[in-house]
Amino acid sequence: MEKINLEKKLGLFKETWTPKIISEINGQHVKLAKLHGEFVWHNHAAEDELFYIIQGTLIIEFRDKVVELNAGEMIVVPAGVDHKPIAHEEVHVMLIEPAAIKHTGDVQHELTKEKLEWI
C-alpha cells in the first residue's frame, strides 16, 4: 500500500504502444502507456477497457464514429467493440482493464505484445 507517482512511472520508459503495469485491483490491471501514431483495429471480445488521458489528445476510431479525448477525459470501450486508437503526437494514457486481456484482442500484428512488464 504505497503511493504511485504517475510522472515518475512514465519517465521509466520511452517505447510506444507497450503498456506497463503499475498496479492491480480486483483482477484489473492499471497500466500506463505512451502512444504515438496509429494502432491496429481490434476489439476485446469479453472485456471492457478504460482509457484515461493524462497528457495529449487521443483519437479513437470506432466503426460508426470518431471520439477525441483530451487530458483529463476518459472513455470506456465496451467488450466486443472494434476500435483503433490514433495519436498524432505523443499521448500518455492510463488503462484499466482485466488482467487477462490480450493486448490486441484476437488480432496478431507487429504491435502486439504477448507479455507486459510491471514497473
C-alpha atoms as a PDB file:
ATOM      1  CA  MET A   1       0.000   0.000   0.000  1.00  0.00           C
ATOM      2  CA  GLU A   2       2.257   2.725  -1.365  1.00  0.00           C
ATOM      3  CA  LYS A   3       1.521   5.822  -3.398  1.00  0.00           C
ATOM      4  CA  ILE A   4       2.352   5.770  -7.089  1.00  0.00           C
ATOM      5  CA  ASN A   5       3.675   8.832  -8.896  1.00  0.00           C
ATOM      6  CA  LEU A   6       2.446   8.636 -12.492  1.00  0.00           C
ATOM      7  CA  GLU A   7       5.017  11.115 -13.846  1.00  0.00           C
ATOM      8  CA  LYS A   8       7.888   9.116 -12.345  1.00  0.00           C
ATOM      9  CA  LYS A   9       6.488   5.872 -13.739  1.00  0.00           C
ATOM     10  CA  LEU A  10       6.060   7.448 -17.194  1.00  0.00           C
ATOM     11  CA  GLY A  11       9.695   8.553 -17.013  1.00  0.00           C
ATOM     12  CA  LEU A  12      10.846   4.932 -16.742  1.00  0.00           C
ATOM     13  CA  PHE A  13      10.147   4.048 -20.379  1.00  0.00           C
ATOM     14  CA  LYS A  14      10.121   5.548 -23.875  1.00  0.00           C
ATOM     15  CA  GLU A  15       8.568   2.899 -26.099  1.00  0.00           C
ATOM     16  CA  THR A  16       5.087   3.462 -27.516  1.00  0.00           C
ATOM     17  CA  TRP A  17       2.116   1.097 -27.716  1.00  0.00           C
ATOM     18  CA  THR A  18       3.686  -1.013 -24.939  1.00  0.00           C
ATOM     19  CA  PRO A  19       1.579  -0.648 -21.769  1.00  0.00           C
ATOM     20  CA  LYS A  20       3.360  -1.059 -18.440  1.00  0.00           C
ATOM     21  CA  ILE A  21       1.507  -2.460 -15.433  1.00  0.00           C
ATOM     22  CA  ILE A  22       1.706  -0.250 -12.352  1.00  0.00           C
ATOM     23  CA  SER A  23      -0.917  -1.799 -10.074  1.00  0.00           C
ATOM     24  CA  GLU A  24      -3.628  -4.435  -9.725  1.00  0.00           C
ATOM     25  CA  ILE A  25      -7.084  -4.076  -8.206  1.00  0.00           C
ATOM     26  CA  ASN A  26      -9.784  -6.758  -8.083  1.00  0.00           C
ATOM     27  CA  GLY A  27      -8.423  -8.670 -11.060  1.00  0.00           C
ATOM     28  CA  GLN A  28      -7.906  -5.485 -13.093  1.00  0.00           C
ATOM     29  CA  HIS A  29      -4.529  -4.137 -14.170  1.00  0.00           C
ATOM     30  CA  VAL A  30      -3.819  -0.430 -14.020  1.00  0.00           C
ATOM     31  CA  LYS A  31      -1.422   0.379 -16.851  1.00  0.00           C
ATOM     32  CA  LEU A  32       0.428   3.371 -18.236  1.00  0.00           C
ATOM     33  CA  ALA A  33       1.276   3.732 -21.900  1.00  0.00           C
ATOM     34  CA  LYS A  34       2.779   6.200 -24.312  1.00  0.00           C
ATOM     35  CA  LEU A  35       1.035   6.290 -27.667  1.00  0.00           C
ATOM     36  CA  HIS A  36       2.172   7.807 -30.954  1.00  0.00           C
ATOM     37  CA  GLY A  37       0.968   7.028 -34.438  1.00  0.00           C
ATOM     38  CA  GLU A  38      -1.809   4.632 -35.385  1.00  0.00           C
ATOM     39  CA  PHE A  39      -2.630   1.390 -33.624  1.00  0.00           C
ATOM     40  CA  VAL A  40      -4.387  -1.588 -35.187  1.00  0.00           C
ATOM     41  CA  TRP A  41      -8.138  -2.194 -35.488  1.00  0.00           C
ATOM     42  CA  HIS A  42      -9.084  -4.675 -32.769  1.00  0.00           C
ATOM     43  CA  ASN A  43     -11.577  -5.494 -30.025  1.00  0.00           C
ATOM     44  CA  HIS A  44     -11.637  -7.373 -26.766  1.00  0.00           C
ATOM     45  CA  ALA A  45     -14.460  -9.893 -27.086  1.00  0.00           C
ATOM     46  CA  ALA A  46     -15.185 -10.311 -23.375  1.00  0.00           C
ATOM     47  CA  GLU A  47     -13.535  -7.324 -21.671  1.00  0.00           C
ATOM     48  CA  ASP A  48     -14.298  -3.627 -21.273  1.00  0.00           C
ATOM     49  CA  GLU A  49     -11.328  -1.243 -21.480  1.00  0.00           C
ATOM     50  CA  LEU A  50     -10.943   2.164 -19.822  1.00  0.00           C
ATOM     51  CA  PHE A  51      -8.748   4.870 -21.380  1.00  0.00           C
ATOM     52  CA  TYR A  52      -7.906   7.907 -19.198  1.00  0.00           C
ATOM     53  CA  ILE A  53      -5.879  10.617 -20.929  1.00  0.00           C
ATOM     54  CA  ILE A  54      -3.080  12.042 -18.781  1.00  0.00           C
ATOM     55  CA  GLN A  55      -1.399  14.147 -21.491  1.00  0.00           C
ATOM     56  CA  GLY A  56      -2.138  14.910 -25.119  1.00  0.00           C
ATOM     57  CA  THR A  57      -5.037  14.165 -27.429  1.00  0.00           C
ATOM     58  CA  LEU A  58      -6.106  10.638 -28.366  1.00  0.00           C
ATOM     59  CA  ILE A  59      -8.459   9.914 -31.214  1.00  0.00           C
ATOM     60  CA  ILE A  60     -10.301   6.613 -31.108  1.00  0.00           C
ATOM     61  CA  GLU A  61     -11.949   5.478 -34.309  1.00  0.00           C
ATOM     62  CA  PHE A  62     -14.966   3.229 -33.991  1.00  0.00           C
ATOM     63  CA  ARG A  63     -16.796   1.653 -36.922  1.00  0.00           C
ATOM     64  CA  ASP A  64     -19.619   4.202 -36.589  1.00  0.00           C
ATOM     65  CA  LYS A  65     -17.946   7.311 -35.102  1.00  0.00           C
ATOM     66  CA  VAL A  66     -14.739   9.008 -34.000  1.00  0.00           C
ATOM     67  CA  VAL A  67     -14.110  10.233 -30.439  1.00  0.00           C
ATOM     68  CA  GLU A  68     -11.434  12.770 -29.497  1.00  0.00           C
ATOM     69  CA  LEU A  69     -10.155  12.593 -25.912  1.00  0.00           C
ATOM     70  CA  ASN A  70      -8.063  15.286 -24.239  1.00  0.00           C
ATOM     71  CA  ALA A  71      -6.119  15.362 -20.968  1.00  0.00           C
ATOM     72  CA  GLY A  72      -8.450  14.737 -18.036  1.00  0.00           C
ATOM     73  CA  GLU A  73     -11.020  12.868 -20.157  1.00  0.00           C
ATOM     74  CA  MET A  74     -11.774   9.164 -20.299  1.00  0.00           C
ATOM     75  CA  ILE A  75     -13.839   6.624 -22.161  1.00  0.00           C
ATOM     76  CA  VAL A  76     -14.836   3.020 -21.547  1.00  0.00           C
ATOM     77  CA  VAL A  77     -14.789   0.885 -24.681  1.00  0.00           C
ATOM     78  CA  PRO A  78     -17.296  -1.936 -24.154  1.00  0.00           C
ATOM     79  CA  ALA A  79     -16.409  -5.558 -24.798  1.00  0.00           C
ATOM     80  CA  GLY A  80     -16.618  -6.571 -28.448  1.00  0.00           C
ATOM     81  CA  VAL A  81     -16.475  -3.025 -29.880  1.00  0.00           C
ATOM     82  CA  ASP A  82     -13.959  -2.572 -32.707  1.00  0.00           C
ATOM     83  CA  HIS A  83     -11.666   0.398 -32.120  1.00  0.00           C
ATOM     84  CA  LYS A  84      -8.446   1.928 -33.401  1.00  0.00           C
ATOM     85  CA  PRO A  85      -6.547   4.463 -31.260  1.00  0.00           C
ATOM     86  CA  ILE A  86      -4.622   7.212 -33.074  1.00  0.00           C
ATOM     87  CA  ALA A  87      -2.167   9.674 -31.527  1.00  0.00           C
ATOM     88  CA  HIS A  88      -0.878  12.361 -33.902  1.00  0.00           C
ATOM     89  CA  GLU A  89       1.527  13.490 -31.162  1.00  0.00           C
ATOM     90  CA  GLU A  90       2.717  11.548 -28.106  1.00  0.00           C
ATOM     91  CA  VAL A  91      -0.118  10.796 -25.685  1.00  0.00           C
ATOM     92  CA  HIS A  92       0.209   9.494 -22.127  1.00  0.00           C
ATOM     93  CA  VAL A  93      -2.675   7.290 -21.070  1.00  0.00           C
ATOM     94  CA  MET A  94      -3.780   5.216 -18.107  1.00  0.00           C
ATOM     95  CA  LEU A  95      -5.592   1.996 -18.943  1.00  0.00           C
ATOM     96  CA  ILE A  96      -7.711  -0.073 -16.594  1.00  0.00           C
ATOM     97  CA  GLU A  97      -8.611  -3.485 -17.921  1.00  0.00           C
ATOM     98  CA  PRO A  98      -8.864  -7.118 -16.813  1.00  0.00           C
ATOM     99  CA  ALA A  99      -5.529  -8.751 -16.093  1.00  0.00           C
ATOM    100  CA  ALA A 100      -6.205 -11.486 -18.679  1.00  0.00           C
ATOM    101  CA  ILE A 101      -6.972  -9.092 -21.562  1.00  0.00           C
ATOM    102  CA  LYS A 102      -4.998  -9.622 -24.778  1.00  0.00           C
ATOM    103  CA  HIS A 103      -3.169  -6.506 -25.974  1.00  0.00           C
ATOM    104  CA  THR A 104      -4.719  -6.540 -29.462  1.00  0.00           C
ATOM    105  CA  GLY A 105      -7.575  -8.953 -28.810  1.00  0.00           C
ATOM    106  CA  ASP A 106      -7.516 -11.801 -31.316  1.00  0.00           C
ATOM    107  CA  VAL A 107      -5.623  -9.728 -33.884  1.00  0.00           C
ATOM    108  CA  GLN A 108      -1.949 -10.593 -34.362  1.00  0.00           C
ATOM    109  CA  HIS A 109       0.076  -7.601 -35.503  1.00  0.00           C
ATOM    110  CA  GLU A 110       3.658  -6.348 -35.286  1.00  0.00           C
ATOM    111  CA  LEU A 111       2.485  -4.091 -32.419  1.00  0.00           C
ATOM    112  CA  THR A 112       1.024  -6.994 -30.416  1.00  0.00           C
ATOM    113  CA  LYS A 113       2.681  -7.545 -27.043  1.00  0.00           C
ATOM    114  CA  GLU A 114       2.271 -11.018 -25.559  1.00  0.00           C
ATOM    115  CA  LYS A 115       3.568 -10.227 -22.081  1.00  0.00           C
ATOM    116  CA  LEU A 116       3.527  -6.851 -20.349  1.00  0.00           C
ATOM    117  CA  GLU A 117       6.135  -5.591 -17.911  1.00  0.00           C
ATOM    118  CA  TRP A 118       5.485  -4.404 -14.348  1.00  0.00           C
ATOM    119  CA  ILE A 119       7.181  -1.128 -13.454  1.00  0.00           C
END
